[in-house]
Protein backbone atom coordinates (compact mmCIF):
# COMPACT_ATOMS: atom_id res chain seq x y z
CA MET A 1 -91.68 56.90 -86.47
CA HIS A 2 -88.69 57.10 -84.12
CA PRO A 3 -85.67 55.17 -85.36
CA ARG A 4 -85.26 53.48 -81.97
CA LEU A 5 -88.85 52.25 -81.82
CA LEU A 6 -88.43 50.76 -85.39
CA LEU A 7 -85.40 49.05 -84.14
CA LEU A 8 -87.25 47.63 -81.08
CA GLY A 9 -90.23 46.68 -83.29
CA SER A 10 -87.93 44.89 -85.52
CA LEU A 11 -86.18 42.99 -82.68
CA THR A 12 -89.44 41.97 -81.29
CA LEU A 13 -90.89 40.53 -84.51
CA LEU A 14 -87.80 38.75 -85.62
CA PRO A 15 -88.05 35.78 -83.25
CA ILE A 16 -91.89 35.56 -84.10
CA VAL A 17 -91.04 35.52 -87.87
CA ALA A 18 -88.37 32.86 -87.49
CA TRP A 19 -90.58 30.95 -85.40
CA ALA A 20 -93.27 31.06 -88.01
CA VAL A 21 -90.99 29.92 -90.66
CA ASP A 22 -89.74 26.72 -89.00
CA PRO A 23 -92.14 23.81 -89.54
CA PRO A 24 -93.64 22.26 -86.37
CA PRO A 25 -92.62 18.80 -85.39
CA SER A 26 -94.89 16.22 -86.79
CA SER A 27 -96.13 15.22 -83.42
CA ASN A 28 -97.26 18.97 -82.61
CA VAL A 29 -99.97 21.22 -84.13
CA ARG A 30 -99.20 24.99 -84.79
CA ILE A 31 -101.69 27.61 -83.76
CA TYR A 32 -101.39 31.29 -85.07
CA ARG A 33 -102.59 33.91 -82.58
CA CYS A 34 -103.54 37.06 -84.52
CA VAL A 35 -104.13 40.52 -82.98
CA GLY A 36 -105.70 43.12 -85.01
CA ALA A 37 -105.28 46.99 -85.01
CA ASN A 38 -108.55 47.17 -82.82
CA GLY A 39 -107.16 44.71 -80.43
CA ALA A 40 -109.29 41.60 -81.57
CA VAL A 41 -107.60 38.28 -81.10
CA SER A 42 -108.23 35.29 -83.25
CA LEU A 43 -106.67 31.75 -83.40
CA GLN A 44 -106.17 30.06 -86.68
CA ASP A 45 -104.06 27.38 -88.33
CA ALA A 46 -102.72 29.69 -91.06
CA PRO A 47 -100.25 32.77 -90.77
CA CYS A 48 -101.85 36.09 -89.91
CA LYS A 49 -102.64 38.55 -92.71
CA GLY A 50 -102.15 42.31 -93.21
CA ASP A 51 -101.07 44.32 -90.25
CA HIS A 52 -102.10 41.76 -87.58
CA ARG A 53 -99.76 40.89 -84.95
CA GLN A 54 -99.01 37.24 -84.90
CA GLN A 55 -97.85 34.76 -82.28
CA VAL A 56 -97.19 31.16 -82.93
CA LEU A 57 -97.94 28.47 -80.63
CA ASP A 58 -96.82 24.76 -80.99
CA MET A 59 -99.02 22.38 -79.14
CA VAL A 60 -98.87 18.73 -78.78
CA ARG A 61 -101.10 17.18 -81.27
CA PRO A 62 -103.95 15.23 -79.53
CA LYS A 63 -103.91 11.52 -80.02
CA ASP A 64 -106.74 9.20 -80.01
CA ALA A 65 -106.59 6.44 -77.42
CA PRO A 66 -105.33 3.18 -78.78
CA LEU A 67 -107.97 0.87 -79.93
CA PRO A 68 -108.29 -2.34 -77.83
CA PRO A 69 -106.82 -5.43 -79.71
CA LEU A 70 -109.40 -7.15 -81.75
CA THR A 71 -110.23 -10.37 -80.07
CA PRO A 72 -111.71 -12.85 -82.60
CA ALA A 73 -114.97 -14.15 -81.82
CA PRO A 74 -115.03 -17.77 -80.65
CA ALA A 75 -115.83 -19.98 -83.55
CA ALA A 76 -119.24 -21.58 -83.34
CA PRO A 77 -118.86 -25.34 -82.51
CA ALA A 78 -119.60 -27.57 -85.56
CA PRO A 79 -122.99 -29.08 -85.32
CA VAL A 80 -122.92 -32.66 -84.22
CA ILE A 81 -124.50 -34.84 -86.79
CA GLN A 82 -126.61 -37.50 -85.09
CA ARG A 83 -126.39 -40.60 -87.26
CA GLU A 84 -129.07 -43.16 -86.83
CA VAL A 85 -127.70 -46.67 -86.66
CA ARG A 86 -130.24 -49.34 -87.45
CA VAL A 87 -129.40 -53.09 -86.99
CA VAL A 88 -131.36 -55.18 -89.46
CA THR A 89 -131.36 -58.88 -88.57
CA VAL A 90 -132.29 -61.09 -91.54
CA GLN A 91 -133.64 -64.48 -90.64
CA PRO A 92 -132.61 -67.19 -92.97
CA PRO A 93 -135.44 -68.99 -94.72
CA GLN A 94 -136.87 -71.85 -92.82
CA PRO A 95 -135.60 -75.10 -94.59
CA MET A 96 -137.92 -77.86 -95.88
CA TYR A 97 -136.98 -81.40 -96.55
CA GLU A 98 -138.36 -84.19 -98.89
CA CYS A 99 -138.21 -87.72 -97.25
CA VAL A 100 -138.74 -91.04 -98.82
CA SER A 101 -140.22 -94.02 -96.86
CA PRO A 102 -139.01 -97.62 -97.50
CA GLU A 103 -142.19 -98.25 -99.43
CA GLY A 104 -141.44 -95.34 -101.87
CA ASP A 105 -143.83 -92.79 -100.48
CA ARG A 106 -142.60 -89.10 -100.58
CA TYR A 107 -143.58 -86.49 -98.12
CA THR A 108 -142.16 -83.15 -96.86
CA SER A 109 -141.00 -82.34 -93.51
CA ASP A 110 -139.56 -79.18 -91.60
CA THR A 111 -136.80 -81.43 -90.12
CA ASN A 112 -134.49 -84.04 -91.46
CA GLU A 113 -135.56 -86.59 -88.79
CA GLY A 114 -137.17 -88.74 -91.46
CA ASN A 115 -139.90 -90.22 -89.31
CA PRO A 116 -137.71 -91.97 -86.70
CA ARG A 117 -139.04 -95.43 -85.50
CA TRP A 118 -137.98 -98.48 -83.76
CA VAL A 119 -137.87 -101.61 -85.83
CA PRO A 120 -137.14 -105.09 -84.47
CA THR A 121 -134.14 -106.87 -85.48
CA TRP A 122 -133.88 -110.68 -86.24
CA GLY A 123 -131.02 -113.06 -86.15
CA PHE A 124 -130.25 -116.81 -86.53
CA GLY A 125 -130.28 -119.13 -83.68
CA TYR A 126 -130.67 -122.78 -82.69
CA VAL A 127 -134.15 -123.91 -81.65
CA PRO A 128 -134.89 -127.50 -80.60
CA PRO A 129 -137.33 -129.28 -83.05
CA HIS A 130 -140.88 -128.78 -82.41
CA HIS A 131 -142.83 -132.00 -81.74
CA GLY A 132 -146.23 -130.45 -81.43
CA HIS A 133 -145.89 -129.49 -77.69
CA GLY A 134 -145.33 -125.89 -76.56
CA PRO A 135 -145.42 -122.67 -78.60
CA ARG A 136 -143.80 -122.32 -81.99
CA PRO A 137 -140.83 -120.03 -82.46
CA PRO A 138 -141.82 -116.49 -83.39
CA ARG A 139 -142.25 -115.79 -87.07
CA PRO A 140 -140.34 -112.59 -88.27
CA PRO A 141 -142.61 -109.91 -89.91
CA GLY A 142 -142.90 -109.70 -93.67
CA GLY A 143 -140.28 -107.77 -95.52
CA GLY A 144 -137.76 -108.38 -92.75
CA GLY A 145 -135.13 -109.68 -95.24
CA VAL A 146 -134.83 -113.16 -93.47
CA PRO A 147 -136.36 -116.21 -95.13
CA TRP A 148 -138.63 -118.17 -92.93
CA HIS A 149 -137.13 -121.38 -91.76
CA PRO A 150 -138.79 -122.93 -88.65
CA GLY A 151 -136.39 -122.74 -85.68
CA VAL A 152 -133.74 -120.42 -87.08
CA ALA A 153 -135.03 -116.88 -86.94
CA VAL A 154 -135.19 -115.28 -83.57
CA PRO A 155 -135.73 -111.63 -82.43
CA THR A 156 -132.65 -110.03 -81.22
CA GLY A 157 -133.82 -106.44 -80.24
CA SER A 158 -134.72 -103.29 -82.23
CA VAL A 159 -133.04 -100.55 -84.03
CA LEU A 160 -133.84 -96.90 -84.69
CA VAL A 161 -134.38 -96.24 -88.34
CA ARG A 162 -135.21 -93.05 -90.15
CA ASP A 163 -136.47 -92.20 -93.74
CA ALA A 164 -133.82 -90.78 -96.15
CA CYS A 165 -134.35 -86.88 -96.31
CA HIS A 166 -132.73 -84.14 -98.36
CA ALA A 167 -133.23 -80.37 -98.22
CA LEU A 168 -135.16 -78.55 -100.93
CA PRO A 169 -133.75 -75.34 -102.67
CA PRO A 170 -135.59 -72.09 -101.67
CA GLN A 171 -137.40 -71.92 -104.97
CA GLU A 172 -138.83 -75.38 -104.56
CA VAL A 173 -139.76 -74.71 -101.00
CA CYS A 174 -141.80 -71.64 -102.09
CA ALA A 175 -143.42 -73.77 -104.89
CA ARG A 176 -144.44 -76.51 -102.46
CA LEU A 177 -145.85 -73.84 -99.95
CA LYS A 178 -147.89 -72.34 -102.58
CA ASP A 179 -149.36 -75.82 -103.78
CA ARG A 180 -150.08 -76.59 -100.10
CA ARG A 181 -151.95 -73.33 -99.54
CA TRP A 182 -154.10 -73.93 -102.64
CA GLU A 183 -154.89 -77.47 -101.53
CA LEU A 184 -155.95 -76.24 -98.16
CA ILE A 185 -158.31 -73.60 -99.75
CA ARG A 186 -159.76 -76.45 -101.98
CA ARG A 187 -160.28 -78.65 -99.03
CA TYR A 188 -161.90 -75.95 -96.91
CA ASN A 189 -165.06 -75.82 -99.05
CA SER A 190 -165.76 -79.41 -98.38
CA ALA A 191 -164.29 -79.98 -95.02
CA LEU A 192 -166.46 -80.39 -91.72
CA GLN A 193 -166.77 -77.56 -89.35
CA SER A 194 -164.38 -79.31 -86.92
CA GLU A 195 -161.74 -79.80 -89.61
CA ARG A 196 -161.99 -76.11 -90.82
CA LYS A 197 -160.22 -74.70 -87.72
CA THR A 198 -157.17 -77.07 -88.35
CA LEU A 199 -157.14 -76.04 -92.01
CA VAL A 200 -157.34 -72.34 -91.16
CA ARG A 201 -154.48 -72.74 -88.53
CA GLU A 202 -152.22 -74.44 -90.98
CA GLN A 203 -152.97 -71.93 -93.80
CA ARG A 204 -151.96 -69.05 -91.50
CA GLY A 205 -148.65 -70.79 -90.87
CA ILE A 206 -148.13 -71.17 -94.62
CA GLU A 207 -148.94 -67.54 -95.13
CA ALA A 208 -146.46 -66.48 -92.60
CA ARG A 209 -143.74 -68.51 -94.14
CA LEU A 210 -144.70 -67.16 -97.75
CA ASN A 211 -144.47 -63.56 -96.48
CA GLN A 212 -141.15 -64.25 -94.67
CA ASP A 213 -139.20 -66.45 -97.05
CA CYS A 214 -140.95 -65.92 -100.37
CA GLY A 215 -141.51 -62.21 -100.44
CA GLY A 216 -145.25 -62.48 -99.70
CA THR A 217 -146.03 -64.18 -103.03
């Protein structure tokens, strides 16, 4: 080969070889263009081999489009717990009273009224002597507490009196109701047809009170 051609060939390849030695920037990608003796051209990412002519091309490395920022999914609202509110009203047991009359008779009542009644009152007064003409002065009833003396006891009015009553404890109330229910059942078998309706009606009331106040016993 002519010396001048060798020199020109060396000058031509020097920049290419030097270019191939320097590493490409990290943001680029290096492509090697190789031309064979038969003129075939190939592109590769490694230096050319043998007698291939090589050309180095630095290209900007393609970048993926930036991913959109991850938006957190909205948190599902917490389920609302529906709480059922129940209002329970407990009715206190119906009271029962035991009353005693002035004669000592005992009886039960739903109130503490104690058989209210008007009783006449008596007082002392001056009455002219009776000589057999006109009506005699009134005599106070028996048990009035005023000794009978003609001409001294006169009615002065009346007063409302009640029998003494006291409330029974709940256990005693339930026991009295049970006794009364048993008495009504016993009387029902021997009662007249007209009386049975009254007994049945009273028994229903007792059963209702036992269910409400005594646990249905």
